[in-house]
Amino acid sequence: MDVFTGNRHTPLSERTISHIVHQAGLLAGFDFPVHAHLLRHACGYYLANKGVDTRIIQDYLGHANIQNTVRYTQLSSARFEGLWN
């Protein structure tokens, strides 16, 4: 399944996706460069914040090495709230 498709329901090229994401970052006024790979990072952080097991995130993102996934589990201290209630 292709995530990004055009008006003709065909997959968009990597270059087109990169351009769209970059332009969206500019329009949003971010003060850092936005690139398509940030979507992958955002997905990893989101899943980790929801408490999804690191091995599942590894498989979902297609990481061969768990060390590439572990970075997403280094989150804010909010993840500890309610741990001992």
Protein backbone atom coordinates (compact mmCIF):
# COMPACT_ATOMS: atom_id res chain seq x y z
CA MET A 1 0.00 0.00 0.00
CA ASP A 2 1.33 3.40 -0.93
CA VAL A 3 0.85 6.10 1.67
CA PHE A 4 1.34 9.05 -0.66
CA THR A 5 -0.64 9.00 -3.89
CA GLY A 6 -1.43 11.72 -6.39
CA ASN A 7 -4.67 12.78 -8.09
CA ARG A 8 -4.39 9.82 -10.47
CA HIS A 9 -4.06 7.41 -7.53
CA THR A 10 -0.49 6.58 -8.47
CA PRO A 11 2.42 6.72 -6.01
CA LEU A 12 4.20 10.06 -5.67
CA SER A 13 7.94 10.08 -6.27
CA GLU A 14 10.32 10.49 -3.33
CA ARG A 15 11.34 13.86 -4.76
CA THR A 16 7.73 15.06 -4.87
CA ILE A 17 7.07 13.92 -1.30
CA SER A 18 10.27 15.62 -0.11
CA HIS A 19 9.21 18.86 -1.83
CA ILE A 20 5.70 18.76 -0.34
CA VAL A 21 6.97 18.11 3.19
CA HIS A 22 9.64 20.82 2.87
CA GLN A 23 7.06 23.35 1.64
CA ALA A 24 4.70 22.41 4.48
CA GLY A 25 7.49 23.15 6.97
CA LEU A 26 8.08 26.56 5.39
CA LEU A 27 4.35 27.38 5.41
CA ALA A 28 4.11 26.30 9.06
CA GLY A 29 6.90 28.72 9.91
CA PHE A 30 9.21 26.17 11.52
CA ASP A 31 12.64 27.57 12.28
CA PHE A 32 14.35 24.31 11.32
CA PRO A 33 14.53 22.44 8.02
CA VAL A 34 11.68 19.97 7.61
CA HIS A 35 12.28 16.83 5.59
CA ALA A 36 10.30 13.69 4.88
CA HIS A 37 12.39 11.57 7.26
CA LEU A 38 11.00 13.67 10.12
CA LEU A 39 7.69 11.88 9.54
CA ARG A 40 9.43 8.60 10.38
CA HIS A 41 10.92 10.11 13.54
CA ALA A 42 7.58 11.59 14.55
CA CYS A 43 5.94 8.20 14.12
CA GLY A 44 8.61 6.52 16.29
CA TYR A 45 8.29 9.09 19.07
CA TYR A 46 4.51 8.95 18.95
CA LEU A 47 4.44 5.17 19.27
CA ALA A 48 7.02 5.22 22.07
CA ASN A 49 5.03 7.90 23.96
CA LYS A 50 1.95 5.69 23.69
CA GLY A 51 3.91 2.89 25.39
CA VAL A 52 4.25 0.62 22.35
CA ASP A 53 6.94 -2.01 22.87
CA THR A 54 10.31 -1.07 21.36
CA ARG A 55 10.53 -4.34 19.39
CA ILE A 56 7.18 -3.63 17.76
CA ILE A 57 8.33 -0.11 16.85
CA GLN A 58 11.54 -1.63 15.43
CA ASP A 59 9.56 -3.97 13.19
CA TYR A 60 7.08 -1.28 12.16
CA LEU A 61 9.79 1.19 11.15
CA GLY A 62 11.86 -1.51 9.48
CA HIS A 63 14.98 -1.07 11.59
CA ALA A 64 17.42 -3.98 11.36
CA ASN A 65 19.26 -2.82 14.48
CA ILE A 66 17.37 -2.12 17.73
CA GLN A 67 19.85 0.70 18.49
CA ASN A 68 18.23 2.70 15.69
CA THR A 69 14.90 2.36 17.48
CA VAL A 70 16.04 2.98 21.05
CA ARG A 71 16.44 6.72 20.37
CA TYR A 72 12.65 7.02 20.22
CA THR A 73 12.29 5.72 23.77
CA GLN A 74 14.36 8.59 25.20
CA LEU A 75 11.32 10.73 25.86
CA SER A 76 10.12 13.43 28.19
CA SER A 77 9.78 12.85 31.91
CA ALA A 78 5.99 12.81 31.45
CA ARG A 79 6.25 9.09 30.66
CA PHE A 80 6.94 8.48 34.37
CA GLU A 81 3.79 10.23 35.60
CA GLY A 82 1.48 7.80 37.37
CA LEU A 83 4.06 5.02 37.32
CA TRP A 84 3.65 4.29 41.04
CA ASN A 85 0.00 5.21 41.60
